[in-house]
Amino acid sequence: MAVILVAVFTIAGMTQGTAAPAPTEQLFKEQCAPCHAGGGNIVNPKMPLKGAPLLTTFAAFLSQVRKPQPPMPTFSPSQISDGQAQKLYDYILKQNKDGWK
């Protein structure tokens, strides 16, 4: 019986080693990375996320998310909530600080 329990917990522990990306990282990958991978901007390379003025405050970032300059799509609160936008903002600031690893 003890051997079976050890085997079950060992197998369960092995599956936990392949964790999915954090929800905010996943949201960035799905909604932002197609154009902003690595903090860049494939549509307008002169306006990357790295050092972008829209990152000086969360309010400026949220305004860009809600009412962006074309060709960036608009993201409504039902697509990206204000809470998710705050987490994306924090994630982008951290990535800028850490060098987009």
PDB file of N, CA and C in Angstrom:
ATOM      1  N   MET A   1       0.826  -1.198   0.000  1.00  0.00           N
ATOM      2  CA  MET A   1       0.000   0.000   0.000  1.00  0.00           C
ATOM      3  C   MET A   1       0.868   1.259   0.000  1.00  0.00           C
ATOM      4  N   ALA A   2       1.900   1.281   0.861  1.00  0.00           N
ATOM      5  CA  ALA A   2       2.780   2.446   0.928  1.00  0.00           C
ATOM      6  C   ALA A   2       3.507   2.658  -0.390  1.00  0.00           C
ATOM      7  N   VAL A   3       3.889   1.578  -1.056  1.00  0.00           N
ATOM      8  CA  VAL A   3       4.592   1.676  -2.335  1.00  0.00           C
ATOM      9  C   VAL A   3       3.680   2.295  -3.390  1.00  0.00           C
ATOM     10  N   ILE A   4       2.417   1.916  -3.373  1.00  0.00           N
ATOM     11  CA  ILE A   4       1.459   2.461  -4.333  1.00  0.00           C
ATOM     12  C   ILE A   4       1.277   3.960  -4.108  1.00  0.00           C
ATOM     13  N   LEU A   5       1.145   4.382  -2.856  1.00  0.00           N
ATOM     14  CA  LEU A   5       0.983   5.802  -2.560  1.00  0.00           C
ATOM     15  C   LEU A   5       2.206   6.604  -2.988  1.00  0.00           C
ATOM     16  N   VAL A   6       3.385   6.067  -2.744  1.00  0.00           N
ATOM     17  CA  VAL A   6       4.606   6.759  -3.162  1.00  0.00           C
ATOM     18  C   VAL A   6       4.625   6.905  -4.675  1.00  0.00           C
ATOM     19  N   ALA A   7       4.239   5.863  -5.386  1.00  0.00           N
ATOM     20  CA  ALA A   7       4.215   5.912  -6.850  1.00  0.00           C
ATOM     21  C   ALA A   7       3.209   6.953  -7.342  1.00  0.00           C
ATOM     22  N   VAL A   8       2.033   6.990  -6.733  1.00  0.00           N
ATOM     23  CA  VAL A   8       1.007   7.952  -7.131  1.00  0.00           C
ATOM     24  C   VAL A   8       1.494   9.382  -6.899  1.00  0.00           C
ATOM     25  N   PHE A   9       2.067   9.658  -5.730  1.00  0.00           N
ATOM     26  CA  PHE A   9       2.544  11.007  -5.440  1.00  0.00           C
ATOM     27  C   PHE A   9       3.747  11.384  -6.301  1.00  0.00           C
ATOM     28  N   THR A  10       4.576  10.425  -6.643  1.00  0.00           N
ATOM     29  CA  THR A  10       5.716  10.690  -7.515  1.00  0.00           C
ATOM     30  C   THR A  10       5.236  11.075  -8.905  1.00  0.00           C
ATOM     31  N   ILE A  11       4.284  10.341  -9.437  1.00  0.00           N
ATOM     32  CA  ILE A  11       3.739  10.645 -10.760  1.00  0.00           C
ATOM     33  C   ILE A  11       3.032  11.997 -10.737  1.00  0.00           C
ATOM     34  N   ALA A  12       2.261  12.262  -9.700  1.00  0.00           N
ATOM     35  CA  ALA A  12       1.562  13.542  -9.588  1.00  0.00           C
ATOM     36  C   ALA A  12       2.563  14.692  -9.509  1.00  0.00           C
ATOM     37  N   GLY A  13       3.641  14.504  -8.791  1.00  0.00           N
ATOM     38  CA  GLY A  13       4.662  15.536  -8.679  1.00  0.00           C
ATOM     39  C   GLY A  13       5.362  15.802  -9.992  1.00  0.00           C
ATOM     40  N   MET A  14       5.533  14.784 -10.807  1.00  0.00           N
ATOM     41  CA  MET A  14       6.198  14.957 -12.097  1.00  0.00           C
ATOM     42  C   MET A  14       5.349  15.794 -13.042  1.00  0.00           C
ATOM     43  N   THR A  15       4.043  15.661 -12.989  1.00  0.00           N
ATOM     44  CA  THR A  15       3.195  16.441 -13.888  1.00  0.00           C
ATOM     45  C   THR A  15       3.169  17.906 -13.488  1.00  0.00           C
ATOM     46  N   GLN A  16       3.446  18.205 -12.236  1.00  0.00           N
ATOM     47  CA  GLN A  16       3.453  19.599 -11.796  1.00  0.00           C
ATOM     48  C   GLN A  16       4.687  20.344 -12.275  1.00  0.00           C
ATOM     49  N   GLY A  17       5.722  19.651 -12.711  1.00  0.00           N
ATOM     50  CA  GLY A  17       6.953  20.281 -13.149  1.00  0.00           C
ATOM     51  C   GLY A  17       6.810  21.038 -14.458  1.00  0.00           C
ATOM     52  N   THR A  18       5.786  20.758 -15.224  1.00  0.00           N
ATOM     53  CA  THR A  18       5.581  21.438 -16.504  1.00  0.00           C
ATOM     54  C   THR A  18       4.427  22.426 -16.365  1.00  0.00           C
ATOM     55  N   ALA A  19       4.672  23.463 -15.609  1.00  0.00           N
ATOM     56  CA  ALA A  19       3.617  24.442 -15.332  1.00  0.00           C
ATOM     57  C   ALA A  19       3.330  25.302 -16.559  1.00  0.00           C
ATOM     58  N   ALA A  20       2.084  25.672 -16.700  1.00  0.00           N
ATOM     59  CA  ALA A  20       1.664  26.577 -17.772  1.00  0.00           C
ATOM     60  C   ALA A  20       2.138  27.990 -17.440  1.00  0.00           C
ATOM     61  N   PRO A  21       2.265  28.849 -18.442  1.00  0.00           N
ATOM     62  CA  PRO A  21       2.646  30.236 -18.156  1.00  0.00           C
ATOM     63  C   PRO A  21       1.640  30.891 -17.213  1.00  0.00           C
ATOM     64  N   ALA A  22       2.113  31.863 -16.450  1.00  0.00           N
ATOM     65  CA  ALA A  22       1.219  32.615 -15.570  1.00  0.00           C
ATOM     66  C   ALA A  22       0.138  33.278 -16.418  1.00  0.00           C
ATOM     67  N   PRO A  23      -1.058  33.491 -15.849  1.00  0.00           N
ATOM     68  CA  PRO A  23      -2.157  34.072 -16.635  1.00  0.00           C
ATOM     69  C   PRO A  23      -1.803  35.393 -17.330  1.00  0.00           C
ATOM     70  N   THR A  24      -1.051  36.260 -16.671  1.00  0.00           N
ATOM     71  CA  THR A  24      -0.701  37.540 -17.296  1.00  0.00           C
ATOM     72  C   THR A  24       0.270  37.334 -18.449  1.00  0.00           C
ATOM     73  N   GLU A  25       1.236  36.448 -18.261  1.00  0.00           N
ATOM     74  CA  GLU A  25       2.174  36.137 -19.344  1.00  0.00           C
ATOM     75  C   GLU A  25       1.423  35.536 -20.531  1.00  0.00           C
ATOM     76  N   GLN A  26       0.478  34.660 -20.246  1.00  0.00           N
ATOM     77  CA  GLN A  26      -0.323  34.044 -21.306  1.00  0.00           C
ATOM     78  C   GLN A  26      -1.165  35.099 -22.026  1.00  0.00           C
ATOM     79  N   LEU A  27      -1.764  36.012 -21.273  1.00  0.00           N
ATOM     80  CA  LEU A  27      -2.554  37.090 -21.871  1.00  0.00           C
ATOM     81  C   LEU A  27      -1.674  37.950 -22.784  1.00  0.00           C
ATOM     82  N   PHE A  28      -0.463  38.267 -22.323  1.00  0.00           N
ATOM     83  CA  PHE A  28       0.457  39.039 -23.162  1.00  0.00           C
ATOM     84  C   PHE A  28       0.770  38.269 -24.445  1.00  0.00           C
ATOM     85  N   LYS A  29       1.058  36.984 -24.306  1.00  0.00           N
ATOM     86  CA  LYS A  29       1.389  36.168 -25.482  1.00  0.00           C
ATOM     87  C   LYS A  29       0.236  36.131 -26.478  1.00  0.00           C
ATOM     88  N   GLU A  30      -0.985  36.052 -25.968  1.00  0.00           N
ATOM     89  CA  GLU A  30      -2.153  35.944 -26.848  1.00  0.00           C
ATOM     90  C   GLU A  30      -2.561  37.283 -27.459  1.00  0.00           C
ATOM     91  N   GLN A  31      -2.550  38.348 -26.658  1.00  0.00           N
ATOM     92  CA  GLN A  31      -3.115  39.622 -27.100  1.00  0.00           C
ATOM     93  C   GLN A  31      -2.083  40.656 -27.546  1.00  0.00           C
ATOM     94  N   CYS A  32      -0.869  40.567 -27.052  1.00  0.00           N
ATOM     95  CA  CYS A  32       0.121  41.623 -27.311  1.00  0.00           C
ATOM     96  C   CYS A  32       1.314  41.154 -28.146  1.00  0.00           C
ATOM     97  N   ALA A  33       1.806  39.956 -27.844  1.00  0.00           N
ATOM     98  CA  ALA A  33       3.035  39.474 -28.479  1.00  0.00           C
ATOM     99  C   ALA A  33       2.979  39.349 -29.996  1.00  0.00           C
ATOM    100  N   PRO A  34       1.813  39.114 -30.609  1.00  0.00           N
ATOM    101  CA  PRO A  34       1.842  39.054 -32.074  1.00  0.00           C
ATOM    102  C   PRO A  34       2.455  40.315 -32.710  1.00  0.00           C
ATOM    103  N   CYS A  35       2.308  41.460 -32.072  1.00  0.00           N
ATOM    104  CA  CYS A  35       2.925  42.694 -32.582  1.00  0.00           C
ATOM    105  C   CYS A  35       4.073  43.179 -31.695  1.00  0.00           C
ATOM    106  N   HIS A  36       4.023  42.845 -30.395  1.00  0.00           N
ATOM    107  CA  HIS A  36       4.976  43.403 -29.436  1.00  0.00           C
ATOM    108  C   HIS A  36       5.894  42.361 -28.811  1.00  0.00           C
ATOM    109  N   ALA A  37       6.223  41.311 -29.529  1.00  0.00           N
ATOM    110  CA  ALA A  37       7.124  40.280 -28.998  1.00  0.00           C
ATOM    111  C   ALA A  37       8.453  40.911 -28.598  1.00  0.00           C
ATOM    112  N   GLY A  38       8.949  40.496 -27.451  1.00  0.00           N
ATOM    113  CA  GLY A  38      10.234  40.999 -26.979  1.00  0.00           C
ATOM    114  C   GLY A  38      10.261  42.484 -26.693  1.00  0.00           C
ATOM    115  N   GLY A  39       9.081  43.087 -26.517  1.00  0.00           N
ATOM    116  CA  GLY A  39       9.008  44.516 -26.226  1.00  0.00           C
ATOM    117  C   GLY A  39       9.149  45.402 -27.448  1.00  0.00           C
ATOM    118  N   GLY A  40       9.133  44.787 -28.617  1.00  0.00           N
ATOM    119  CA  GLY A  40       9.264  45.551 -29.855  1.00  0.00           C
ATOM    120  C   GLY A  40       7.926  45.990 -30.408  1.00  0.00           C
ATOM    121  N   ASN A  41       7.921  46.279 -31.691  1.00  0.00           N
ATOM    122  CA  ASN A  41       6.700  46.662 -32.391  1.00  0.00           C
ATOM    123  C   ASN A  41       6.941  46.347 -33.867  1.00  0.00           C
ATOM    124  N   ILE A  42       6.350  45.260 -34.355  1.00  0.00           N
ATOM    125  CA  ILE A  42       6.609  44.857 -35.737  1.00  0.00           C
ATOM    126  C   ILE A  42       5.917  45.764 -36.744  1.00  0.00           C
ATOM    127  N   VAL A  43       4.869  46.454 -36.323  1.00  0.00           N
ATOM    128  CA  VAL A  43       4.141  47.352 -37.221  1.00  0.00           C
ATOM    129  C   VAL A  43       4.877  48.684 -37.359  1.00  0.00           C
ATOM    130  N   ASN A  44       5.336  49.221 -36.234  1.00  0.00           N
ATOM    131  CA  ASN A  44       6.066  50.491 -36.234  1.00  0.00           C
ATOM    132  C   ASN A  44       7.281  50.345 -35.316  1.00  0.00           C
ATOM    133  N   PRO A  45       8.394  49.847 -35.848  1.00  0.00           N
ATOM    134  CA  PRO A  45       9.581  49.605 -35.022  1.00  0.00           C
ATOM    135  C   PRO A  45      10.097  50.836 -34.274  1.00  0.00           C
ATOM    136  N   LYS A  46       9.704  52.023 -34.697  1.00  0.00           N
ATOM    137  CA  LYS A  46      10.131  53.245 -34.008  1.00  0.00           C
ATOM    138  C   LYS A  46       9.349  53.480 -32.718  1.00  0.00           C
ATOM    139  N   MET A  47       8.316  52.661 -32.470  1.00  0.00           N
ATOM    140  CA  MET A  47       7.496  52.821 -31.267  1.00  0.00           C
ATOM    141  C   MET A  47       7.392  51.505 -30.489  1.00  0.00           C
ATOM    142  N   PRO A  48       8.518  50.992 -29.978  1.00  0.00           N
ATOM    143  CA  PRO A  48       8.465  49.742 -29.215  1.00  0.00           C
ATOM    144  C   PRO A  48       7.907  49.965 -27.808  1.00  0.00           C
ATOM    145  N   LEU A  49       7.604  48.869 -27.143  1.00  0.00           N
ATOM    146  CA  LEU A  49       7.194  48.957 -25.738  1.00  0.00           C
ATOM    147  C   LEU A  49       8.377  49.354 -24.861  1.00  0.00           C
ATOM    148  N   LYS A  50       9.568  49.000 -25.286  1.00  0.00           N
ATOM    149  CA  LYS A  50      10.772  49.359 -24.527  1.00  0.00           C
ATOM    150  C   LYS A  50      10.904  50.878 -24.500  1.00  0.00           C
ATOM    151  N   GLY A  51      10.778  51.455 -23.300  1.00  0.00           N
ATOM    152  CA  GLY A  51      10.926  52.894 -23.142  1.00  0.00           C
ATOM    153  C   GLY A  51       9.776  53.731 -23.677  1.00  0.00           C
ATOM    154  N   ALA A  52       8.648  53.121 -23.927  1.00  0.00           N
ATOM    155  CA  ALA A  52       7.506  53.835 -24.505  1.00  0.00           C
ATOM    156  C   ALA A  52       6.931  54.863 -23.529  1.00  0.00           C
ATOM    157  N   PRO A  53       6.623  56.084 -24.018  1.00  0.00           N
ATOM    158  CA  PRO A  53       6.017  57.107 -23.162  1.00  0.00           C
ATOM    159  C   PRO A  53       4.692  56.657 -22.551  1.00  0.00           C
ATOM    160  N   LEU A  54       3.973  55.779 -23.238  1.00  0.00           N
ATOM    161  CA  LEU A  54       2.684  55.337 -22.704  1.00  0.00           C
ATOM    162  C   LEU A  54       2.845  54.490 -21.452  1.00  0.00           C
ATOM    163  N   LEU A  55       4.070  54.132 -21.103  1.00  0.00           N
ATOM    164  CA  LEU A  55       4.302  53.339 -19.898  1.00  0.00           C
ATOM    165  C   LEU A  55       4.670  54.188 -18.688  1.00  0.00           C
ATOM    166  N   THR A  56       4.649  55.513 -18.831  1.00  0.00           N
ATOM    167  CA  THR A  56       5.017  56.361 -17.698  1.00  0.00           C
ATOM    168  C   THR A  56       3.994  56.275 -16.575  1.00  0.00           C
ATOM    169  N   THR A  57       2.723  56.059 -16.924  1.00  0.00           N
ATOM    170  CA  THR A  57       1.678  55.875 -15.911  1.00  0.00           C
ATOM    171  C   THR A  57       0.714  54.790 -16.378  1.00  0.00           C
ATOM    172  N   PHE A  58       0.043  54.179 -15.422  1.00  0.00           N
ATOM    173  CA  PHE A  58      -0.963  53.185 -15.777  1.00  0.00           C
ATOM    174  C   PHE A  58      -2.102  53.837 -16.553  1.00  0.00           C
ATOM    175  N   ALA A  59      -2.476  55.066 -16.182  1.00  0.00           N
ATOM    176  CA  ALA A  59      -3.569  55.759 -16.881  1.00  0.00           C
ATOM    177  C   ALA A  59      -3.244  55.934 -18.365  1.00  0.00           C
ATOM    178  N   ALA A  60      -2.005  56.301 -18.679  1.00  0.00           N
ATOM    179  CA  ALA A  60      -1.601  56.462 -20.082  1.00  0.00           C
ATOM    180  C   ALA A  60      -1.637  55.119 -20.805  1.00  0.00           C
ATOM    181  N   PHE A  61      -1.181  54.074 -20.130  1.00  0.00           N
ATOM    182  CA  PHE A  61      -1.204  52.728 -20.711  1.00  0.00           C
ATOM    183  C   PHE A  61      -2.637  52.284 -20.975  1.00  0.00           C
ATOM    184  N   LEU A  62      -3.510  52.462 -19.984  1.00  0.00           N
ATOM    185  CA  LEU A  62      -4.903  52.043 -20.130  1.00  0.00           C
ATOM    186  C   LEU A  62      -5.588  52.815 -21.254  1.00  0.00           C
ATOM    187  N   SER A  63      -5.279  54.088 -21.372  1.00  0.00           N
ATOM    188  CA  SER A  63      -5.841  54.885 -22.462  1.00  0.00           C
ATOM    189  C   SER A  63      -5.417  54.322 -23.816  1.00  0.00           C
ATOM    190  N   GLN A  64      -4.171  53.895 -23.930  1.00  0.00           N
ATOM    191  CA  GLN A  64      -3.678  53.303 -25.173  1.00  0.00           C
ATOM    192  C   GLN A  64      -4.358  51.964 -25.450  1.00  0.00           C
ATOM    193  N   VAL A  65      -4.623  51.197 -24.412  1.00  0.00           N
ATOM    194  CA  VAL A  65      -5.307  49.908 -24.577  1.00  0.00           C
ATOM    195  C   VAL A  65      -6.750  50.128 -25.036  1.00  0.00           C
ATOM    196  N   ARG A  66      -7.426  51.113 -24.448  1.00  0.00           N
ATOM    197  CA  ARG A  66      -8.838  51.354 -24.750  1.00  0.00           C
ATOM    198  C   ARG A  66      -9.059  52.149 -26.045  1.00  0.00           C
ATOM    199  N   LYS A  67      -8.206  53.143 -26.292  1.00  0.00           N
ATOM    200  CA  LYS A  67      -8.367  54.009 -27.477  1.00  0.00           C
ATOM    201  C   LYS A  67      -7.010  54.197 -28.152  1.00  0.00           C
ATOM    202  N   PRO A  68      -6.508  53.139 -28.770  1.00  0.00           N
ATOM    203  CA  PRO A  68      -5.167  53.203 -29.351  1.00  0.00           C
ATOM    204  C   PRO A  68      -5.117  53.956 -30.674  1.00  0.00           C
ATOM    205  N   GLN A  69      -3.914  54.277 -31.061  1.00  0.00           N
ATOM    206  CA  GLN A  69      -3.679  54.813 -32.397  1.00  0.00           C
ATOM    207  C   GLN A  69      -3.716  53.641 -33.374  1.00  0.00           C
ATOM    208  N   PRO A  70      -4.366  53.802 -34.519  1.00  0.00           N
ATOM    209  CA  PRO A  70      -4.352  52.726 -35.509  1.00  0.00           C
ATOM    210  C   PRO A  70      -2.907  52.435 -35.939  1.00  0.00           C
ATOM    211  N   PRO A  71      -2.606  51.236 -36.256  1.00  0.00           N
ATOM    212  CA  PRO A  71      -3.470  50.090 -36.513  1.00  0.00           C
ATOM    213  C   PRO A  71      -3.689  49.195 -35.296  1.00  0.00           C
ATOM    214  N   MET A  72      -3.259  49.623 -34.097  1.00  0.00           N
ATOM    215  CA  MET A  72      -3.476  48.788 -32.915  1.00  0.00           C
ATOM    216  C   MET A  72      -4.968  48.630 -32.671  1.00  0.00           C
ATOM    217  N   PRO A  73      -5.407  47.396 -32.409  1.00  0.00           N
ATOM    218  CA  PRO A  73      -6.830  47.191 -32.145  1.00  0.00           C
ATOM    219  C   PRO A  73      -7.233  47.725 -30.776  1.00  0.00           C
ATOM    220  N   THR A  74      -8.494  48.071 -30.660  1.00  0.00           N
ATOM    221  CA  THR A  74      -9.078  48.490 -29.391  1.00  0.00           C
ATOM    222  C   THR A  74      -9.374  47.255 -28.555  1.00  0.00           C
ATOM    223  N   PHE A  75      -9.114  47.345 -27.251  1.00  0.00           N
ATOM    224  CA  PHE A  75      -9.448  46.266 -26.328  1.00  0.00           C
ATOM    225  C   PHE A  75     -10.458  46.803 -25.324  1.00  0.00           C
ATOM    226  N   SER A  76     -11.684  46.316 -25.406  1.00  0.00           N
ATOM    227  CA  SER A  76     -12.746  46.750 -24.499  1.00  0.00           C
ATOM    228  C   SER A  76     -12.549  46.099 -23.133  1.00  0.00           C
ATOM    229  N   PRO A  77     -13.242  46.621 -22.095  1.00  0.00           N
ATOM    230  CA  PRO A  77     -13.160  46.002 -20.773  1.00  0.00           C
ATOM    231  C   PRO A  77     -13.615  44.539 -20.757  1.00  0.00           C
ATOM    232  N   SER A  78     -14.463  44.149 -21.706  1.00  0.00           N
ATOM    233  CA  SER A  78     -14.872  42.740 -21.748  1.00  0.00           C
ATOM    234  C   SER A  78     -13.777  41.860 -22.356  1.00  0.00           C
ATOM    235  N   GLN A  79     -12.856  42.465 -23.102  1.00  0.00           N
ATOM    236  CA  GLN A  79     -11.741  41.708 -23.674  1.00  0.00           C
ATOM    237  C   GLN A  79     -10.548  41.668 -22.722  1.00  0.00           C
ATOM    238  N   ILE A  80     -10.208  42.822 -22.162  1.00  0.00           N
ATOM    239  CA  ILE A  80      -9.147  42.944 -21.165  1.00  0.00           C
ATOM    240  C   ILE A  80      -9.691  43.850 -20.069  1.00  0.00           C
ATOM    241  N   SER A  81      -9.938  43.283 -18.898  1.00  0.00           N
ATOM    242  CA  SER A  81     -10.486  44.074 -17.792  1.00  0.00           C
ATOM    243  C   SER A  81      -9.441  45.078 -17.304  1.00  0.00           C
ATOM    244  N   ASP A  82      -9.892  46.066 -16.533  1.00  0.00           N
ATOM    245  CA  ASP A  82      -8.953  47.031 -15.964  1.00  0.00           C
ATOM    246  C   ASP A  82      -7.932  46.323 -15.079  1.00  0.00           C
ATOM    247  N   GLY A  83      -8.381  45.308 -14.337  1.00  0.00           N
ATOM    248  CA  GLY A  83      -7.468  44.536 -13.492  1.00  0.00           C
ATOM    249  C   GLY A  83      -6.426  43.792 -14.317  1.00  0.00           C
ATOM    250  N   GLN A  84      -6.862  43.187 -15.411  1.00  0.00           N
ATOM    251  CA  GLN A  84      -5.916  42.507 -16.300  1.00  0.00           C
ATOM    252  C   GLN A  84      -4.963  43.512 -16.940  1.00  0.00           C
ATOM    253  N   ALA A  85      -5.482  44.684 -17.301  1.00  0.00           N
ATOM    254  CA  ALA A  85      -4.636  45.725 -17.888  1.00  0.00           C
ATOM    255  C   ALA A  85      -3.566  46.165 -16.892  1.00  0.00           C
ATOM    256  N   GLN A  86      -3.933  46.285 -15.617  1.00  0.00           N
ATOM    257  CA  GLN A  86      -2.953  46.652 -14.587  1.00  0.00           C
ATOM    258  C   GLN A  86      -1.866  45.587 -14.500  1.00  0.00           C
ATOM    259  N   LYS A  87      -2.268  44.324 -14.543  1.00  0.00           N
ATOM    260  CA  LYS A  87      -1.281  43.238 -14.484  1.00  0.00           C
ATOM    261  C   LYS A  87      -0.403  43.223 -15.732  1.00  0.00           C
ATOM    262  N   LEU A  88      -0.987  43.500 -16.894  1.00  0.00           N
ATOM    263  CA  LEU A  88      -0.191  43.591 -18.125  1.00  0.00           C
ATOM    264  C   LEU A  88       0.815  44.736 -18.025  1.00  0.00           C
ATOM    265  N   TYR A  89       0.364  45.863 -17.517  1.00  0.00           N
ATOM    266  CA  TYR A  89       1.233  47.029 -17.334  1.00  0.00           C
ATOM    267  C   TYR A  89       2.419  46.667 -16.437  1.00  0.00           C
ATOM    268  N   ASP A  90       2.124  46.041 -15.301  1.00  0.00           N
ATOM    269  CA  ASP A  90       3.184  45.629 -14.379  1.00  0.00           C
ATOM    270  C   ASP A  90       4.122  44.616 -15.037  1.00  0.00           C
ATOM    271  N   TYR A  91       3.557  43.688 -15.798  1.00  0.00           N
ATOM    272  CA  TYR A  91       4.346  42.673 -16.499  1.00  0.00           C
ATOM    273  C   TYR A  91       5.288  43.335 -17.509  1.00  0.00           C
ATOM    274  N   ILE A  92       4.780  44.270 -18.281  1.00  0.00           N
ATOM    275  CA  ILE A  92       5.591  44.959 -19.290  1.00  0.00           C
ATOM    276  C   ILE A  92       6.702  45.769 -18.623  1.00  0.00           C
ATOM    277  N   LEU A  93       6.384  46.469 -17.527  1.00  0.00           N
ATOM    278  CA  LEU A  93       7.415  47.224 -16.809  1.00  0.00           C
ATOM    279  C   LEU A  93       8.516  46.295 -16.307  1.00  0.00           C
ATOM    280  N   LYS A  94       8.118  45.148 -15.777  1.00  0.00           N
ATOM    281  CA  LYS A  94       9.107  44.173 -15.288  1.00  0.00           C
ATOM    282  C   LYS A  94       9.949  43.646 -16.436  1.00  0.00           C
ATOM    283  N   GLN A  95       9.315  43.335 -17.549  1.00  0.00           N
ATOM    284  CA  GLN A  95      10.067  42.843 -18.707  1.00  0.00           C
ATOM    285  C   GLN A  95      11.037  43.914 -19.216  1.00  0.00           C
ATOM    286  N   ASN A  96      10.600  45.164 -19.238  1.00  0.00           N
ATOM    287  CA  ASN A  96      11.496  46.248 -19.648  1.00  0.00           C
ATOM    288  C   ASN A  96      12.706  46.321 -18.720  1.00  0.00           C
ATOM    289  N   LYS A  97      12.461  46.176 -17.426  1.00  0.00           N
ATOM    290  CA  LYS A  97      13.540  46.225 -16.438  1.00  0.00           C
ATOM    291  C   LYS A  97      14.475  45.032 -16.584  1.00  0.00           C
ATOM    292  N   ASP A  98      13.907  43.854 -16.836  1.00  0.00           N
ATOM    293  CA  ASP A  98      14.691  42.615 -16.896  1.00  0.00           C
ATOM    294  C   ASP A  98      15.276  42.322 -18.279  1.00  0.00           C
ATOM    295  N   GLY A  99      14.984  43.156 -19.253  1.00  0.00           N
ATOM    296  CA  GLY A  99      15.538  42.955 -20.585  1.00  0.00           C
ATOM    297  C   GLY A  99      14.786  41.960 -21.452  1.00  0.00           C
ATOM    298  N   TRP A 100      13.517  41.748 -21.206  1.00  0.00           N
ATOM    299  CA  TRP A 100      12.665  40.865 -22.016  1.00  0.00           C
ATOM    300  C   TRP A 100      13.281  39.485 -22.182  1.00  0.00           C
ATOM    301  N   LYS A 101      13.490  38.818 -21.053  1.00  0.00           N
ATOM    302  CA  LYS A 101      14.049  37.460 -21.071  1.00  0.00           C
ATOM    303  C   LYS A 101      12.984  36.434 -21.282  1.00  0.00           C
TER     304      LYS A 101
END
